[in-house]
Amino acid sequence: MLHEECGVMGAYDFDGKDVALDIYHGLYTLQHRGQESCGIVTNDYVRLYTVKDKGLVNEVFTKDNLVTLKGKIGVGHVLYGYTGDENDGVQPIVSRYCKGTMTIAMNGTLTNYDELRAGLEQRGAIFQSSSHAELVMNLIAVARTETPSAEAAVLSVVKKLRGAYSIVLMSPKKLIAVRDPYGFKPLSLGVRGKTYFFASETAAFDVLKAQTLCDVEPGELIKIDDDGVTHYKENAGKVKPAQCVFEYVYFARPDSYIDGKSVYNARIDIGKALYKACPAEADYVIGVPSSGLHFALGYSYASGIPYADGLVKNSYVGRTFIKGTDEQRREAVSIKLNALRGAIDGKDVVLVDDSIVRGTTSANLIRMIKDGGAKSVHMRIASPPFIHSCPYGSDIPDRGQLAAVRMDVEGIRKSIGADTLGYLPVSAFAEVGLKDRFCDACFTGNYPDGWKYKQQ
């Protein structure tokens, strides 16, 4: 079963212009966060307009259906994997209830989903899927009948939620964004003229020529309506933030800033720390496109070993980390990358990648590079070994599938065919400023909210 790791967008235009095209461009920028399905729902105060389906952004949306999305308010979503039922994945989810309409787009996973769903079902609720977004929508709908406003309903509901969530929600005349108290998933607010945007990553604002105003603080709710932009911080600051460190290691685009920190600079610094912890002698440093490139640059800067392009990427193939099976991952690697023989033939190389999960991809890469003529391959990994599962929505498998659980470092080195293997130590995160406010539970087992394996 795959967990969610996705991207959300929202837009509100105070001049009353249609926002669908902006959301489309924003989702295009967030495509790396989800390649299975996408959708946009807009609202013109009279009715809702929806286009959503399986597929990439440029496959689902066309010039013909984008013009049908009318309205000054809208939300968008990209998803990378389903949670079992194919109906689960395609967001945003739309609901009509006694107070009007509600549309929700969510990034994250609730650790108390089963408990909350059971409570609603005992009260007569009917679910169409196992989507966590649908559960949140049901909770808000119930709370809205007992509260004076949509924002009050959301503030009431989030006190019951456990786990990770960044949510953008649209009521008939409001756009609301809320982030879990730990801030596991990123979410930011931007503006261009009189149009305001919420997005999972600030890179979307750059494409829209918008200015980043702020991050949605962990626990904060921001409402946008005809009265302006209102911040609600009554649930903020209650716990120590724990942003997902893997956003900086893998998920986020390098041109994004998360909670004010440059992803690119973080990756360069990690690469430098990786050399300090795991030096090697070689002719060249090469990175695995695209997620390993900036770590490799940092490694090269620190070591003085020249950086070289050793792998050629086919840009039309999606990420292998988010493929569902080992067979799909193997096929994707061979189609996605090819060794650049002219650069590596007869050379000793340091190969830098972001992580080793199951080990399948690393083994295929090393085999490819050695087949391309490299004398030796020194594998360096820009994160510690994965030894724990993630309950917060990242696609990290159950422990039994993790290479570092099944083998020690030497065993992994042999299994992937590397001449040497080195991982970034957990202590290096503190050196690069990624320790005090970050969740590293997939490496350490220290879950910020006390989640335990017995809940799996």
Protein backbone atom coordinates (compact mmCIF):
# COMPACT_ATOMS: atom_id res chain seq x y z
CA MET A 1 0.00 0.00 0.00
CA LEU A 2 1.33 3.41 -0.96
CA HIS A 3 0.97 6.43 1.26
CA GLU A 4 0.35 9.97 0.12
CA GLU A 5 3.01 12.46 -0.80
CA CYS A 6 1.45 15.15 -2.90
CA GLY A 7 1.10 18.86 -3.60
CA VAL A 8 -1.68 21.36 -2.97
CA MET A 9 -2.54 24.73 -4.45
CA GLY A 10 -5.11 27.43 -3.73
CA ALA A 11 -5.88 30.80 -5.28
CA TYR A 12 -8.14 33.76 -4.45
CA ASP A 13 -8.43 36.79 -6.77
CA PHE A 14 -9.83 39.94 -5.16
CA ASP A 15 -10.44 41.44 -8.62
CA GLY A 16 -12.78 38.58 -9.46
CA LYS A 17 -10.70 37.11 -12.30
CA ASP A 18 -10.64 33.41 -13.03
CA VAL A 19 -7.87 31.63 -11.15
CA ALA A 20 -7.82 28.25 -12.93
CA LEU A 21 -4.91 29.02 -15.25
CA ASP A 22 -2.77 30.17 -12.34
CA ILE A 23 -3.56 27.00 -10.40
CA TYR A 24 -2.73 24.94 -13.49
CA HIS A 25 0.69 26.59 -13.78
CA GLY A 26 1.23 26.12 -10.06
CA LEU A 27 0.39 22.41 -10.27
CA TYR A 28 2.76 22.07 -13.21
CA THR A 29 5.50 23.36 -10.92
CA LEU A 30 4.45 20.85 -8.24
CA GLN A 31 4.28 17.92 -10.69
CA HIS A 32 7.33 16.30 -9.05
CA ARG A 33 5.23 15.79 -5.91
CA GLY A 34 2.60 13.72 -7.70
CA GLN A 35 2.37 11.99 -11.06
CA GLU A 36 -0.65 9.72 -10.73
CA SER A 37 -3.59 12.12 -10.65
CA CYS A 38 -4.44 15.80 -10.44
CA GLY A 39 -7.40 18.12 -10.26
CA ILE A 40 -8.69 21.66 -10.03
CA VAL A 41 -11.99 22.86 -8.56
CA THR A 42 -13.07 26.50 -8.88
CA ASN A 43 -15.94 28.53 -7.49
CA ASP A 44 -17.69 31.63 -8.88
CA TYR A 45 -19.99 32.04 -5.84
CA VAL A 46 -22.81 30.41 -7.83
CA ARG A 47 -21.51 26.94 -8.63
CA LEU A 48 -18.44 24.74 -8.59
CA TYR A 49 -16.46 23.75 -11.67
CA THR A 50 -14.33 20.60 -11.63
CA VAL A 51 -11.71 18.95 -13.82
CA LYS A 52 -9.79 16.03 -12.30
CA ASP A 53 -8.55 12.66 -13.45
CA LYS A 54 -5.66 10.22 -13.40
CA GLY A 55 -2.57 11.38 -15.25
CA LEU A 56 -0.07 14.22 -15.42
CA VAL A 57 -1.05 17.87 -15.33
CA ASN A 58 -0.49 18.33 -19.07
CA GLU A 59 -2.56 15.20 -19.78
CA VAL A 60 -5.56 15.98 -17.58
CA PHE A 61 -5.88 19.67 -18.41
CA THR A 62 -6.39 21.06 -21.90
CA LYS A 63 -7.08 24.48 -23.34
CA ASP A 64 -10.67 23.37 -23.80
CA ASN A 65 -11.40 22.20 -20.26
CA LEU A 66 -9.37 24.91 -18.51
CA VAL A 67 -11.67 27.62 -19.87
CA THR A 68 -14.63 25.86 -18.28
CA LEU A 69 -13.14 26.40 -14.80
CA LYS A 70 -14.73 29.70 -13.87
CA GLY A 71 -14.35 31.53 -10.60
CA LYS A 72 -12.22 33.79 -8.41
CA ILE A 73 -11.50 31.01 -5.87
CA GLY A 74 -9.97 27.62 -6.56
CA VAL A 75 -7.98 24.70 -5.19
CA GLY A 76 -5.72 22.19 -6.93
CA HIS A 77 -3.98 18.93 -6.12
CA VAL A 78 -1.40 16.48 -7.49
CA LEU A 79 -1.07 12.96 -6.08
CA TYR A 80 1.58 10.34 -6.69
CA GLY A 81 0.01 7.09 -5.46
CA TYR A 82 -3.27 5.61 -4.40
CA THR A 83 -4.14 4.23 -0.98
CA GLY A 84 -5.86 1.10 -2.26
CA ASP A 85 -9.15 2.19 -3.84
CA GLU A 86 -8.62 4.07 -7.09
CA ASN A 87 -11.26 6.56 -5.96
CA ASP A 88 -9.01 7.58 -3.07
CA GLY A 89 -6.39 9.38 -5.05
CA VAL A 90 -8.10 11.94 -7.25
CA GLN A 91 -8.45 15.22 -5.38
CA PRO A 92 -9.70 17.85 -4.70
CA ILE A 93 -12.73 16.22 -3.07
CA VAL A 94 -16.05 18.05 -3.32
CA SER A 95 -18.97 17.77 -0.91
CA ARG A 96 -22.39 19.34 -0.69
CA TYR A 97 -24.05 19.53 2.70
CA CYS A 98 -26.51 21.64 4.70
CA LYS A 99 -24.18 24.66 4.81
CA GLY A 100 -23.44 24.66 1.10
CA THR A 101 -20.32 23.23 -0.53
CA MET A 102 -16.88 22.29 0.65
CA THR A 103 -13.80 21.40 -1.40
CA ILE A 104 -10.61 20.02 0.11
CA ALA A 105 -7.08 19.26 -1.08
CA MET A 106 -4.78 17.57 1.42
CA ASN A 107 -1.14 16.55 1.66
CA GLY A 108 -0.38 14.13 4.49
CA THR A 109 -1.57 11.16 6.49
CA LEU A 110 -3.45 10.99 9.78
CA THR A 111 -2.14 8.52 12.34
CA ASN A 112 -5.51 8.36 14.13
CA TYR A 113 -7.53 7.84 10.93
CA ASP A 114 -9.07 4.52 12.01
CA GLU A 115 -10.20 5.90 15.35
CA LEU A 116 -11.75 9.03 13.84
CA ARG A 117 -13.46 7.13 11.05
CA ALA A 118 -14.95 4.62 13.47
CA GLY A 119 -16.41 7.48 15.50
CA LEU A 120 -18.06 9.00 12.45
CA GLU A 121 -19.40 5.67 11.22
CA GLN A 122 -21.00 5.05 14.60
CA ARG A 123 -22.87 8.32 14.07
CA GLY A 124 -24.11 7.16 10.64
CA ALA A 125 -21.48 8.61 8.32
CA ILE A 126 -21.01 6.84 4.97
CA PHE A 127 -17.59 6.84 3.30
CA GLN A 128 -16.92 6.42 -0.40
CA SER A 129 -13.20 5.71 0.00
CA SER A 130 -10.36 5.37 2.50
CA SER A 131 -9.09 8.86 1.67
CA HIS A 132 -7.89 10.81 4.68
CA ALA A 133 -9.09 13.99 2.96
CA GLU A 134 -12.63 12.60 2.86
CA LEU A 135 -12.45 11.90 6.59
CA VAL A 136 -11.33 15.47 7.34
CA MET A 137 -14.13 16.80 5.15
CA ASN A 138 -16.71 14.78 7.08
CA LEU A 139 -15.38 16.02 10.40
CA ILE A 140 -15.49 19.64 9.24
CA ALA A 141 -19.02 19.24 7.87
CA VAL A 142 -20.23 17.98 11.24
CA ALA A 143 -18.38 20.71 13.12
CA ARG A 144 -19.76 23.38 10.79
CA THR A 145 -23.29 22.63 11.97
CA GLU A 146 -22.16 23.46 15.51
CA THR A 147 -19.93 26.49 14.84
CA PRO A 148 -20.55 30.00 13.45
CA SER A 149 -18.10 29.84 10.51
CA ALA A 150 -16.05 27.56 8.30
CA GLU A 151 -12.82 28.68 9.92
CA ALA A 152 -14.21 27.98 13.39
CA ALA A 153 -15.21 24.50 12.23
CA VAL A 154 -11.71 23.81 10.89
CA LEU A 155 -10.06 25.12 14.07
CA SER A 156 -12.28 22.81 16.07
CA VAL A 157 -11.54 19.75 13.92
CA VAL A 158 -7.75 20.07 13.73
CA LYS A 159 -7.56 19.69 17.49
CA LYS A 160 -8.74 16.11 16.96
CA LEU A 161 -6.31 15.24 14.15
CA ARG A 162 -3.03 13.44 14.73
CA GLY A 163 -0.28 13.07 12.17
CA ALA A 164 0.73 15.20 9.19
CA TYR A 165 -1.44 17.48 7.10
CA SER A 166 -1.27 20.58 4.99
CA ILE A 167 -4.79 21.36 3.81
CA VAL A 168 -6.30 23.90 1.44
CA LEU A 169 -10.08 24.12 1.76
CA MET A 170 -12.66 26.14 -0.17
CA SER A 171 -16.10 27.02 1.16
CA PRO A 172 -18.61 28.98 -0.96
CA LYS A 173 -16.86 32.32 -0.32
CA LYS A 174 -13.65 31.51 1.54
CA LEU A 175 -10.26 29.96 0.93
CA ILE A 176 -8.71 28.40 4.03
CA ALA A 177 -5.28 26.83 4.59
CA VAL A 178 -4.17 24.97 7.71
CA ARG A 179 -1.00 23.13 8.69
CA ASP A 180 -0.53 20.53 11.40
CA PRO A 181 1.05 21.70 14.70
CA TYR A 182 4.36 19.98 13.91
CA GLY A 183 4.55 21.41 10.39
CA PHE A 184 5.49 18.05 8.86
CA LYS A 185 4.42 19.12 5.37
CA PRO A 186 5.32 22.48 3.81
CA LEU A 187 2.74 25.15 2.95
CA SER A 188 3.27 28.80 2.01
CA LEU A 189 1.31 31.95 1.15
CA GLY A 190 2.16 34.18 -1.81
CA VAL A 191 0.70 37.19 -3.62
CA ARG A 192 0.74 38.77 -7.06
CA GLY A 193 -1.16 42.01 -7.24
CA LYS A 194 -4.57 41.22 -5.77
CA THR A 195 -4.32 37.47 -6.23
CA TYR A 196 -3.26 35.34 -3.26
CA PHE A 197 -1.92 31.81 -3.49
CA PHE A 198 -1.31 28.85 -1.21
CA ALA A 199 1.19 26.26 -2.41
CA SER A 200 3.14 23.29 -1.08
CA GLU A 201 6.34 24.86 -2.39
CA THR A 202 7.44 28.44 -3.05
CA ALA A 203 8.76 27.46 -6.50
CA ALA A 204 5.12 27.68 -7.64
CA PHE A 205 5.10 31.38 -6.72
CA ASP A 206 8.20 31.99 -8.83
CA VAL A 207 6.49 30.54 -11.89
CA LEU A 208 3.40 32.67 -11.19
CA LYS A 209 5.57 35.79 -10.75
CA ALA A 210 4.24 36.04 -7.23
CA GLN A 211 5.99 37.11 -4.05
CA THR A 212 6.30 34.76 -1.10
CA LEU A 213 4.59 36.44 1.85
CA CYS A 214 5.10 33.83 4.56
CA ASP A 215 4.93 30.19 5.43
CA VAL A 216 1.79 28.92 7.05
CA GLU A 217 3.17 28.38 10.54
CA PRO A 218 2.85 24.94 12.13
CA GLY A 219 -0.62 24.88 13.68
CA GLU A 220 -1.71 28.11 11.97
CA LEU A 221 -4.88 28.65 9.94
CA ILE A 222 -5.11 31.40 7.31
CA LYS A 223 -8.44 32.49 5.88
CA ILE A 224 -8.93 34.59 2.73
CA ASP A 225 -12.30 36.12 1.92
CA ASP A 226 -13.74 39.47 0.80
CA ASP A 227 -12.66 40.98 4.12
CA GLY A 228 -8.99 40.21 3.42
CA VAL A 229 -6.39 37.82 4.79
CA THR A 230 -6.79 36.71 8.41
CA HIS A 231 -4.31 34.67 10.45
CA TYR A 232 -5.48 32.39 13.28
CA LYS A 233 -2.68 31.19 15.54
CA GLU A 234 -4.54 29.78 18.50
CA ASN A 235 -3.28 26.27 17.69
CA ALA A 236 0.25 27.38 16.80
CA GLY A 237 3.27 27.11 19.08
CA LYS A 238 1.80 24.35 21.24
CA VAL A 239 4.48 21.78 20.32
CA LYS A 240 8.01 21.89 18.97
CA PRO A 241 7.95 21.99 15.12
CA ALA A 242 9.15 18.88 13.32
CA GLN A 243 9.34 19.54 9.59
CA CYS A 244 10.06 16.49 7.43
CA VAL A 245 13.81 16.55 6.82
CA PHE A 246 13.30 14.42 3.71
CA GLU A 247 11.73 17.45 2.01
CA TYR A 248 15.27 18.84 1.88
CA VAL A 249 16.81 15.49 0.98
CA TYR A 250 14.43 14.48 -1.80
CA PHE A 251 10.87 15.71 -2.12
CA ALA A 252 11.16 19.47 -2.67
CA ARG A 253 12.45 21.27 -5.74
CA PRO A 254 15.88 22.84 -5.22
CA ASP A 255 14.52 26.29 -6.09
CA SER A 256 11.99 26.16 -3.24
CA TYR A 257 12.31 27.64 0.22
CA ILE A 258 10.71 25.75 3.10
CA ASP A 259 10.09 27.75 6.24
CA GLY A 260 12.56 30.32 4.96
CA LYS A 261 15.39 27.84 4.28
CA SER A 262 16.76 27.31 0.76
CA VAL A 263 16.49 23.68 -0.34
CA TYR A 264 19.40 24.19 -2.76
CA ASN A 265 21.72 25.57 -0.09
CA ALA A 266 20.74 22.79 2.29
CA ARG A 267 21.66 20.17 -0.31
CA ILE A 268 25.02 21.78 -1.05
CA ASP A 269 25.78 21.87 2.67
CA ILE A 270 24.74 18.23 3.06
CA GLY A 271 27.10 17.28 0.24
CA LYS A 272 29.96 19.03 2.00
CA ALA A 273 29.12 17.30 5.27
CA LEU A 274 28.94 13.98 3.42
CA TYR A 275 32.54 14.36 2.23
CA LYS A 276 33.66 15.30 5.73
CA ALA A 277 32.05 12.16 7.13
CA CYS A 278 32.82 9.78 4.24
CA PRO A 279 35.83 10.94 2.17
CA ALA A 280 36.94 9.06 -0.94
CA GLU A 281 39.69 9.27 -3.53
CA ALA A 282 38.48 9.35 -7.12
CA ASP A 283 38.85 11.03 -10.49
CA TYR A 284 35.34 12.46 -10.58
CA VAL A 285 32.26 13.06 -8.46
CA ILE A 286 29.00 12.37 -10.27
CA GLY A 287 25.45 12.79 -9.03
CA VAL A 288 22.36 10.73 -9.76
CA PRO A 289 19.97 12.98 -11.74
CA SER A 290 18.17 14.86 -10.53
CA SER A 291 17.96 14.44 -6.77
CA GLY A 292 21.65 13.65 -6.24
CA LEU A 293 23.18 16.43 -8.32
CA HIS A 294 23.45 19.17 -5.72
CA PHE A 295 24.72 16.82 -3.06
CA ALA A 296 27.41 15.80 -5.55
CA LEU A 297 28.30 19.44 -6.14
CA GLY A 298 28.71 19.97 -2.42
CA TYR A 299 30.84 16.83 -2.18
CA SER A 300 33.00 18.12 -5.05
CA TYR A 301 33.38 21.57 -3.48
CA ALA A 302 34.52 20.07 -0.17
CA SER A 303 36.80 17.38 -1.62
CA GLY A 304 38.33 19.23 -4.54
CA ILE A 305 37.49 16.25 -6.77
CA PRO A 306 36.13 17.54 -10.10
CA TYR A 307 32.42 17.20 -10.72
CA ALA A 308 31.40 15.50 -13.96
CA ASP A 309 28.18 14.46 -15.68
CA GLY A 310 28.36 10.68 -15.58
CA LEU A 311 24.70 9.85 -16.16
CA VAL A 312 22.40 11.12 -18.90
CA LYS A 313 18.75 11.53 -17.94
CA ASN A 314 15.70 10.99 -20.10
CA SER A 315 13.54 13.89 -18.90
CA TYR A 316 10.31 12.22 -19.93
CA VAL A 317 10.42 9.50 -17.28
CA GLY A 318 9.05 10.09 -13.78
CA ARG A 319 10.66 9.45 -10.41
CA THR A 320 11.57 5.87 -9.53
CA PHE A 321 11.07 6.38 -5.79
CA ILE A 322 7.34 6.65 -6.34
CA LYS A 323 6.86 3.60 -8.55
CA GLY A 324 4.74 0.90 -7.01
CA THR A 325 6.78 -2.30 -7.51
CA ASP A 326 10.41 -3.40 -7.75
CA GLU A 327 9.85 -4.39 -11.37
CA GLN A 328 8.51 -0.92 -12.19
CA ARG A 329 11.48 0.67 -10.43
CA ARG A 330 14.00 -1.47 -12.37
CA GLU A 331 12.35 -0.66 -15.68
CA ALA A 332 12.18 3.05 -14.86
CA VAL A 333 15.90 3.23 -13.96
CA SER A 334 17.02 1.63 -17.22
CA ILE A 335 14.77 3.88 -19.28
CA LYS A 336 15.43 7.00 -17.24
CA LEU A 337 19.25 7.00 -17.05
CA ASN A 338 22.21 5.95 -19.15
CA ALA A 339 25.93 6.03 -18.34
CA LEU A 340 28.01 8.67 -20.14
CA ARG A 341 30.88 6.42 -21.20
CA GLY A 342 33.02 9.27 -22.50
CA ALA A 343 33.17 10.80 -19.03
CA ILE A 344 33.63 7.71 -16.84
CA ASP A 345 35.48 5.14 -18.96
CA GLY A 346 38.57 4.03 -17.04
CA LYS A 347 37.84 6.38 -14.13
CA ASP A 348 37.35 5.96 -10.41
CA VAL A 349 34.12 7.75 -9.52
CA VAL A 350 32.21 8.85 -6.46
CA LEU A 351 28.50 8.34 -7.11
CA VAL A 352 26.25 10.48 -4.90
CA ASP A 353 22.54 9.81 -4.43
CA ASP A 354 19.93 11.02 -1.97
CA SER A 355 19.06 7.71 -0.32
CA ILE A 356 18.95 3.93 -0.43
CA VAL A 357 15.52 2.53 0.33
CA ARG A 358 15.24 -1.05 -0.91
CA GLY A 359 18.59 -1.02 -2.75
CA THR A 360 17.20 -1.98 -6.14
CA THR A 361 17.84 1.38 -7.79
CA SER A 362 21.38 1.72 -6.41
CA ALA A 363 22.36 -1.75 -7.64
CA ASN A 364 21.07 -0.98 -11.12
CA LEU A 365 22.91 2.35 -11.20
CA ILE A 366 26.24 0.90 -10.13
CA ARG A 367 25.92 -1.91 -12.64
CA MET A 368 25.17 0.64 -15.35
CA ILE A 369 28.19 2.79 -14.47
CA LYS A 370 30.57 -0.15 -14.34
CA ASP A 371 29.21 -1.41 -17.64
CA GLY A 372 29.98 2.10 -18.89
CA GLY A 373 33.67 1.56 -18.14
CA ALA A 374 34.20 2.93 -14.62
CA LYS A 375 37.09 1.26 -12.78
CA SER A 376 35.49 1.69 -9.36
CA VAL A 377 32.33 3.21 -7.89
CA HIS A 378 32.35 4.71 -4.39
CA MET A 379 28.71 5.14 -3.40
CA ARG A 380 27.89 8.05 -1.09
CA ILE A 381 24.40 8.59 0.29
CA ALA A 382 23.20 12.06 1.34
CA SER A 383 21.01 10.73 4.15
CA PRO A 384 21.39 8.19 6.98
CA PRO A 385 20.18 4.61 6.51
CA PHE A 386 16.40 4.20 6.49
CA ILE A 387 15.57 1.92 9.41
CA HIS A 388 12.02 2.99 10.32
CA SER A 389 8.71 3.47 8.52
CA CYS A 390 7.01 6.82 8.12
CA PRO A 391 3.41 7.15 9.35
CA TYR A 392 3.12 10.75 8.12
CA GLY A 393 2.63 10.19 4.41
CA SER A 394 6.07 9.64 2.84
CA ASP A 395 6.49 6.58 0.64
CA ILE A 396 8.90 4.72 2.91
CA PRO A 397 8.04 1.01 2.94
CA ASP A 398 7.41 -1.22 5.91
CA ARG A 399 10.58 -2.01 7.84
CA GLY A 400 10.96 -5.48 6.38
CA GLN A 401 11.52 -4.00 2.93
CA LEU A 402 14.20 -1.52 3.98
CA ALA A 403 17.72 -2.50 2.95
CA ALA A 404 19.26 -1.09 6.16
CA VAL A 405 16.97 -3.22 8.29
CA ARG A 406 17.80 -6.42 6.43
CA MET A 407 21.57 -5.80 6.17
CA ASP A 408 24.42 -3.84 7.74
CA VAL A 409 26.35 -1.29 5.67
CA GLU A 410 28.83 -3.88 4.45
CA GLY A 411 25.99 -6.16 3.43
CA ILE A 412 24.33 -3.36 1.50
CA ARG A 413 27.64 -2.48 -0.18
CA LYS A 414 28.01 -6.05 -1.42
CA SER A 415 24.39 -6.30 -2.51
CA ILE A 416 24.54 -3.15 -4.65
CA GLY A 417 28.02 -3.82 -6.02
CA ALA A 418 29.76 -0.67 -4.74
CA ASP A 419 33.49 -0.64 -4.06
CA THR A 420 32.84 1.44 -0.95
CA LEU A 421 29.66 2.77 0.64
CA GLY A 422 29.18 5.69 2.99
CA TYR A 423 26.08 7.30 4.49
CA LEU A 424 25.54 10.76 5.92
CA PRO A 425 25.51 10.39 9.73
CA VAL A 426 22.45 11.63 11.58
CA SER A 427 24.69 14.06 13.49
CA ALA A 428 25.45 15.90 10.22
CA PHE A 429 21.91 17.28 10.09
CA ALA A 430 22.78 19.49 13.05
CA GLU A 431 25.86 20.76 11.20
CA VAL A 432 23.75 21.93 8.25
CA GLY A 433 20.93 23.45 10.32
CA LEU A 434 18.40 20.64 9.89
CA LYS A 435 18.10 19.32 13.42
CA ASP A 436 16.15 21.29 16.02
CA ARG A 437 12.92 21.83 14.05
CA PHE A 438 12.93 18.69 11.94
CA CYS A 439 11.57 15.16 11.96
CA ASP A 440 14.22 12.50 11.30
CA ALA A 441 12.18 9.56 12.61
CA CYS A 442 12.74 7.46 9.48
CA PHE A 443 16.43 7.41 10.44
CA THR A 444 16.22 7.46 14.24
CA GLY A 445 12.82 6.13 15.27
CA ASN A 446 12.20 9.31 17.31
CA TYR A 447 8.64 10.15 16.31
CA PRO A 448 7.74 13.72 17.38
CA ASP A 449 4.16 12.87 18.32
CA GLY A 450 5.00 9.58 20.03
CA TRP A 451 3.69 7.31 17.27
CA LYS A 452 4.59 3.67 17.93
CA TYR A 453 5.08 0.71 15.58
CA LYS A 454 2.30 -1.19 17.32
CA GLN A 455 -0.10 1.15 15.51
CA GLN A 456 0.90 -0.30 12.13
